[in-house]
Amino acid sequence: MNGLPYAETGEGPDGVDWDDFRVFLEVVRTGSFNRAAAKLKMTQPTVSRRLVRLEEGIGVRLFDRDRRGPRLTVEGQRIYNDACAAQV
């Protein structure tokens, strides 16, 4: 077991919109909520809301947010690695 709360049953947690992981991946790749929003053709507040919803749904904080932009937490890095591996 890898210790991720969503991985215990092999199913996604109730209420998680799997498309929110696409938003998460784009924020990591671009390093910015604004750039991710532009690439995804969304507004920055929508991106922020989607990430908060994802964090609440899986029960972990994915980013530390500061003036320099979003920084992955340890849990966020693990989920990013898992999501990238799943895309292959």
N, C-alpha and C. Protein backbone atom coordinates (compact mmCIF):
# COMPACT_ATOMS: atom_id res chain seq x y z
N MET A 1 0.86 -1.18 0.00
CA MET A 1 0.00 0.00 0.00
C MET A 1 0.89 1.24 0.00
N ASN A 2 0.53 2.23 -0.79
CA ASN A 2 1.37 3.41 -0.92
C ASN A 2 0.98 4.54 0.01
N GLY A 3 -0.06 4.37 0.82
CA GLY A 3 -0.42 5.38 1.80
C GLY A 3 -1.28 6.51 1.28
N LEU A 4 -1.65 6.49 0.01
CA LEU A 4 -2.51 7.54 -0.52
C LEU A 4 -3.96 7.22 -0.18
N PRO A 5 -4.70 8.19 0.34
CA PRO A 5 -6.06 7.91 0.79
C PRO A 5 -6.98 7.40 -0.30
N TYR A 6 -6.75 7.81 -1.56
CA TYR A 6 -7.63 7.38 -2.63
C TYR A 6 -7.25 6.03 -3.18
N ALA A 7 -6.09 5.48 -2.77
CA ALA A 7 -5.59 4.25 -3.35
C ALA A 7 -5.95 3.01 -2.55
N GLU A 8 -6.56 3.16 -1.39
CA GLU A 8 -6.83 2.02 -0.54
C GLU A 8 -7.78 1.02 -1.18
N THR A 9 -8.79 1.47 -1.88
CA THR A 9 -9.78 0.57 -2.46
C THR A 9 -9.57 0.38 -3.95
N GLY A 10 -8.68 1.16 -4.54
CA GLY A 10 -8.49 1.11 -5.98
C GLY A 10 -9.53 1.93 -6.74
N GLU A 11 -10.46 2.51 -6.04
CA GLU A 11 -11.49 3.35 -6.65
C GLU A 11 -11.27 4.79 -6.19
N GLY A 12 -11.79 5.71 -6.97
CA GLY A 12 -11.73 7.10 -6.57
C GLY A 12 -12.68 7.37 -5.42
N PRO A 13 -12.38 8.33 -4.59
CA PRO A 13 -13.28 8.67 -3.50
C PRO A 13 -14.59 9.25 -4.03
N ASP A 14 -15.64 9.06 -3.28
CA ASP A 14 -16.94 9.61 -3.68
C ASP A 14 -16.83 11.11 -3.84
N GLY A 15 -17.44 11.61 -4.89
CA GLY A 15 -17.49 13.05 -5.08
C GLY A 15 -16.30 13.64 -5.79
N VAL A 16 -15.30 12.84 -6.16
CA VAL A 16 -14.14 13.38 -6.86
C VAL A 16 -14.44 13.40 -8.35
N ASP A 17 -14.27 14.56 -8.94
CA ASP A 17 -14.40 14.71 -10.39
C ASP A 17 -13.01 14.44 -10.97
N TRP A 18 -12.88 13.34 -11.69
CA TRP A 18 -11.55 12.95 -12.18
C TRP A 18 -10.97 13.98 -13.14
N ASP A 19 -11.79 14.83 -13.72
CA ASP A 19 -11.28 15.90 -14.57
C ASP A 19 -10.48 16.92 -13.76
N ASP A 20 -10.72 16.98 -12.45
CA ASP A 20 -9.93 17.89 -11.60
C ASP A 20 -8.46 17.50 -11.59
N PHE A 21 -8.17 16.22 -11.82
CA PHE A 21 -6.76 15.80 -11.90
C PHE A 21 -6.09 16.42 -13.12
N ARG A 22 -6.85 16.59 -14.21
CA ARG A 22 -6.31 17.26 -15.41
C ARG A 22 -5.92 18.69 -15.08
N VAL A 23 -6.76 19.37 -14.28
CA VAL A 23 -6.46 20.74 -13.86
C VAL A 23 -5.21 20.74 -12.98
N PHE A 24 -5.16 19.81 -12.04
CA PHE A 24 -3.99 19.67 -11.16
C PHE A 24 -2.71 19.50 -11.98
N LEU A 25 -2.74 18.59 -12.95
CA LEU A 25 -1.54 18.34 -13.77
C LEU A 25 -1.11 19.58 -14.54
N GLU A 26 -2.07 20.34 -15.04
CA GLU A 26 -1.73 21.54 -15.81
C GLU A 26 -1.12 22.61 -14.92
N VAL A 27 -1.61 22.74 -13.69
CA VAL A 27 -1.01 23.71 -12.76
C VAL A 27 0.44 23.32 -12.47
N VAL A 28 0.67 22.03 -12.26
CA VAL A 28 2.05 21.59 -11.99
C VAL A 28 2.92 21.86 -13.21
N ARG A 29 2.44 21.52 -14.37
CA ARG A 29 3.25 21.67 -15.59
C ARG A 29 3.55 23.13 -15.92
N THR A 30 2.58 24.01 -15.70
CA THR A 30 2.80 25.42 -16.05
C THR A 30 3.39 26.21 -14.89
N GLY A 31 3.22 25.70 -13.66
CA GLY A 31 3.75 26.40 -12.49
C GLY A 31 2.92 27.60 -12.06
N SER A 32 1.69 27.69 -12.57
CA SER A 32 0.88 28.88 -12.29
C SER A 32 -0.59 28.57 -12.50
N PHE A 33 -1.43 29.07 -11.58
CA PHE A 33 -2.87 28.95 -11.76
C PHE A 33 -3.32 29.74 -12.99
N ASN A 34 -2.76 30.92 -13.17
CA ASN A 34 -3.15 31.77 -14.31
C ASN A 34 -2.79 31.13 -15.64
N ARG A 35 -1.56 30.63 -15.77
CA ARG A 35 -1.15 30.00 -17.03
C ARG A 35 -1.95 28.72 -17.29
N ALA A 36 -2.21 27.94 -16.23
CA ALA A 36 -3.02 26.74 -16.39
C ALA A 36 -4.43 27.10 -16.85
N ALA A 37 -4.99 28.14 -16.24
CA ALA A 37 -6.33 28.58 -16.61
C ALA A 37 -6.38 28.98 -18.09
N ALA A 38 -5.40 29.73 -18.55
CA ALA A 38 -5.37 30.14 -19.95
C ALA A 38 -5.27 28.93 -20.87
N LYS A 39 -4.42 27.99 -20.53
CA LYS A 39 -4.24 26.81 -21.37
C LYS A 39 -5.49 25.94 -21.39
N LEU A 40 -6.18 25.87 -20.25
CA LEU A 40 -7.39 25.06 -20.15
C LEU A 40 -8.65 25.81 -20.57
N LYS A 41 -8.49 27.08 -20.93
CA LYS A 41 -9.62 27.94 -21.30
C LYS A 41 -10.64 28.04 -20.17
N MET A 42 -10.10 28.31 -18.98
CA MET A 42 -10.90 28.52 -17.78
C MET A 42 -10.45 29.83 -17.16
N THR A 43 -11.18 30.26 -16.15
CA THR A 43 -10.71 31.42 -15.38
C THR A 43 -9.84 30.94 -14.24
N GLN A 44 -9.02 31.83 -13.71
CA GLN A 44 -8.16 31.47 -12.58
C GLN A 44 -8.99 31.08 -11.36
N PRO A 45 -10.09 31.79 -11.05
CA PRO A 45 -10.89 31.35 -9.90
C PRO A 45 -11.47 29.94 -10.08
N THR A 46 -11.82 29.58 -11.30
CA THR A 46 -12.32 28.22 -11.55
C THR A 46 -11.25 27.19 -11.29
N VAL A 47 -10.04 27.46 -11.76
CA VAL A 47 -8.91 26.55 -11.49
C VAL A 47 -8.71 26.41 -9.98
N SER A 48 -8.71 27.51 -9.28
CA SER A 48 -8.52 27.47 -7.82
C SER A 48 -9.62 26.65 -7.14
N ARG A 49 -10.86 26.88 -7.55
CA ARG A 49 -11.99 26.14 -6.96
C ARG A 49 -11.88 24.65 -7.25
N ARG A 50 -11.48 24.31 -8.45
CA ARG A 50 -11.35 22.90 -8.82
C ARG A 50 -10.26 22.22 -8.00
N LEU A 51 -9.17 22.93 -7.74
CA LEU A 51 -8.10 22.34 -6.93
C LEU A 51 -8.51 22.19 -5.47
N VAL A 52 -9.22 23.17 -4.94
CA VAL A 52 -9.71 23.06 -3.57
C VAL A 52 -10.66 21.86 -3.48
N ARG A 53 -11.54 21.72 -4.45
CA ARG A 53 -12.48 20.60 -4.46
C ARG A 53 -11.73 19.27 -4.52
N LEU A 54 -10.69 19.18 -5.34
CA LEU A 54 -9.89 17.96 -5.43
C LEU A 54 -9.21 17.67 -4.10
N GLU A 55 -8.59 18.70 -3.51
CA GLU A 55 -7.93 18.51 -2.22
C GLU A 55 -8.91 18.01 -1.16
N GLU A 56 -10.08 18.60 -1.13
CA GLU A 56 -11.09 18.17 -0.16
C GLU A 56 -11.56 16.75 -0.45
N GLY A 57 -11.70 16.43 -1.72
CA GLY A 57 -12.19 15.11 -2.10
C GLY A 57 -11.23 13.98 -1.77
N ILE A 58 -9.93 14.24 -1.91
CA ILE A 58 -8.96 13.17 -1.62
C ILE A 58 -8.34 13.31 -0.24
N GLY A 59 -8.63 14.41 0.42
CA GLY A 59 -8.21 14.57 1.81
C GLY A 59 -6.75 14.92 2.02
N VAL A 60 -6.12 15.51 1.02
CA VAL A 60 -4.73 15.96 1.18
C VAL A 60 -4.56 17.34 0.56
N ARG A 61 -3.60 18.09 1.08
CA ARG A 61 -3.25 19.39 0.49
C ARG A 61 -2.23 19.12 -0.60
N LEU A 62 -2.49 19.59 -1.79
CA LEU A 62 -1.61 19.34 -2.94
C LEU A 62 -0.55 20.41 -3.11
N PHE A 63 -0.90 21.65 -2.78
CA PHE A 63 0.01 22.77 -2.99
C PHE A 63 0.13 23.61 -1.74
N ASP A 64 1.31 24.17 -1.55
CA ASP A 64 1.48 25.30 -0.66
C ASP A 64 1.39 26.50 -1.57
N ARG A 65 0.57 27.45 -1.21
CA ARG A 65 0.37 28.62 -2.06
C ARG A 65 1.04 29.82 -1.43
N ASP A 66 1.88 30.50 -2.21
CA ASP A 66 2.52 31.71 -1.71
C ASP A 66 2.66 32.70 -2.85
N ARG A 67 3.31 33.80 -2.59
CA ARG A 67 3.44 34.86 -3.60
C ARG A 67 4.22 34.41 -4.83
N ARG A 68 5.07 33.42 -4.68
CA ARG A 68 5.86 32.93 -5.82
C ARG A 68 5.10 31.93 -6.67
N GLY A 69 3.94 31.52 -6.20
CA GLY A 69 3.13 30.56 -6.97
C GLY A 69 2.93 29.27 -6.19
N PRO A 70 2.25 28.33 -6.81
CA PRO A 70 1.98 27.06 -6.13
C PRO A 70 3.23 26.20 -6.05
N ARG A 71 3.43 25.59 -4.89
CA ARG A 71 4.54 24.67 -4.67
C ARG A 71 3.95 23.35 -4.22
N LEU A 72 4.32 22.26 -4.89
CA LEU A 72 3.80 20.95 -4.52
C LEU A 72 4.19 20.58 -3.10
N THR A 73 3.24 20.02 -2.38
CA THR A 73 3.55 19.42 -1.09
C THR A 73 4.13 18.02 -1.36
N VAL A 74 4.59 17.35 -0.33
CA VAL A 74 5.09 15.99 -0.49
C VAL A 74 3.98 15.10 -1.04
N GLU A 75 2.78 15.24 -0.48
CA GLU A 75 1.64 14.46 -0.97
C GLU A 75 1.30 14.82 -2.42
N GLY A 76 1.37 16.11 -2.73
CA GLY A 76 1.11 16.56 -4.09
C GLY A 76 2.11 15.97 -5.07
N GLN A 77 3.36 15.88 -4.69
CA GLN A 77 4.39 15.30 -5.56
C GLN A 77 4.10 13.82 -5.78
N ARG A 78 3.69 13.11 -4.75
CA ARG A 78 3.38 11.68 -4.89
C ARG A 78 2.19 11.49 -5.83
N ILE A 79 1.17 12.32 -5.69
CA ILE A 79 0.00 12.20 -6.55
C ILE A 79 0.36 12.59 -7.98
N TYR A 80 1.19 13.60 -8.14
CA TYR A 80 1.66 13.98 -9.47
C TYR A 80 2.38 12.81 -10.13
N ASN A 81 3.28 12.16 -9.39
CA ASN A 81 4.01 11.02 -9.93
C ASN A 81 3.05 9.90 -10.33
N ASP A 82 2.07 9.62 -9.47
CA ASP A 82 1.08 8.58 -9.77
C ASP A 82 0.28 8.93 -11.02
N ALA A 83 -0.15 10.20 -11.11
CA ALA A 83 -0.96 10.64 -12.25
C ALA A 83 -0.16 10.56 -13.55
N CYS A 84 1.10 10.93 -13.51
CA CYS A 84 1.95 10.85 -14.70
C CYS A 84 2.15 9.39 -15.11
N ALA A 85 2.35 8.52 -14.14
CA ALA A 85 2.52 7.10 -14.45
C ALA A 85 1.25 6.52 -15.05
N ALA A 86 0.10 6.98 -14.60
CA ALA A 86 -1.16 6.48 -15.10
C ALA A 86 -1.43 6.92 -16.54
N GLN A 87 -0.82 8.03 -16.95
CA GLN A 87 -1.03 8.54 -18.31
C GLN A 87 -0.25 7.75 -19.35
N VAL A 88 0.76 7.00 -18.91
CA VAL A 88 1.62 6.28 -19.87
C VAL A 88 0.91 5.11 -20.45
